[in-house]
């Protein structure tokens, strides 16, 4: 599933350790206020590397 981020919206994201691509996992319904206590196993759609990541909150802006 691919997310097209919208400016001003909150997301849970990770950054690929291999190619530094920002990967949007899913919308952040807590708008940055919730706690994240999980590790996500993610395969990067850009470089196809798989890794375990601690996600973080991110509010998308027009500048990324």
Protein backbone atom coordinates (compact mmCIF):
# COMPACT_ATOMS: atom_id res chain seq x y z
CA UNK A 1 0.00 0.00 0.00
CA UNK A 2 1.34 3.41 -0.94
CA UNK A 3 0.36 6.59 0.88
CA UNK A 4 0.29 9.93 -0.91
CA UNK A 5 0.95 12.33 1.99
CA UNK A 6 -1.18 15.46 2.27
CA UNK A 7 0.25 18.75 3.58
CA UNK A 8 -0.72 19.37 7.20
CA UNK A 9 -1.59 15.73 7.90
CA UNK A 10 0.18 13.55 10.47
CA UNK A 11 1.77 10.19 9.65
CA UNK A 12 3.78 7.41 11.24
CA UNK A 13 7.01 7.14 9.25
CA UNK A 14 10.40 5.45 9.12
CA UNK A 15 13.52 6.30 7.11
CA UNK A 16 15.23 3.56 5.11
CA UNK A 17 18.74 3.03 6.49
CA UNK A 18 20.04 2.06 3.05
CA UNK A 19 18.70 4.74 0.68
CA UNK A 20 17.39 7.35 3.18
CA UNK A 21 13.89 7.34 1.66
CA UNK A 22 11.10 8.44 4.00
CA UNK A 23 8.48 5.69 4.16
CA UNK A 24 4.95 6.64 5.20
CA UNK A 25 3.50 3.66 7.06
CA UNK A 26 0.04 4.94 7.97
CA UNK A 27 -1.87 8.06 9.09
CA UNK A 28 -1.18 9.18 12.67
CA UNK A 29 -4.63 9.47 14.22
CA UNK A 30 -3.16 10.97 17.41
CA UNK A 31 -1.65 13.89 15.46
CA UNK A 32 1.76 13.43 17.07
CA UNK A 33 0.46 13.10 20.63
CA UNK A 34 0.45 9.32 21.02
CA UNK A 35 3.31 7.12 22.14
CA UNK A 36 5.05 4.73 19.78
CA UNK A 37 6.36 1.57 21.35
CA UNK A 38 6.72 -0.83 18.46
CA UNK A 39 9.31 -1.95 15.95
CA UNK A 40 8.20 -2.29 12.34
CA UNK A 41 9.63 -4.73 9.82
CA UNK A 42 9.53 -2.81 6.53
CA UNK A 43 10.72 -3.47 2.99
CA UNK A 44 11.66 -0.26 1.21
CA UNK A 45 9.74 0.11 -2.07
CA UNK A 46 12.67 2.08 -3.55
CA UNK A 47 15.73 -0.10 -2.84
CA UNK A 48 13.93 -3.30 -1.71
CA UNK A 49 15.99 -3.60 1.49
CA UNK A 50 14.21 -4.99 4.53
CA UNK A 51 14.90 -3.62 7.98
CA UNK A 52 13.51 -3.19 11.48
CA UNK A 53 12.70 0.38 12.39
CA UNK A 54 11.36 2.40 15.29
CA UNK A 55 8.75 4.67 13.76
CA UNK A 56 8.21 8.32 14.55
CA UNK A 57 5.48 10.94 14.23
CA UNK A 58 5.70 13.30 11.27
CA UNK A 59 3.55 16.21 10.13
CA UNK A 60 3.86 16.50 6.37
CA UNK A 61 4.48 19.93 4.87
CA UNK A 62 4.88 21.09 1.29
CA UNK A 63 8.64 20.97 1.87
CA UNK A 64 8.50 17.31 3.02
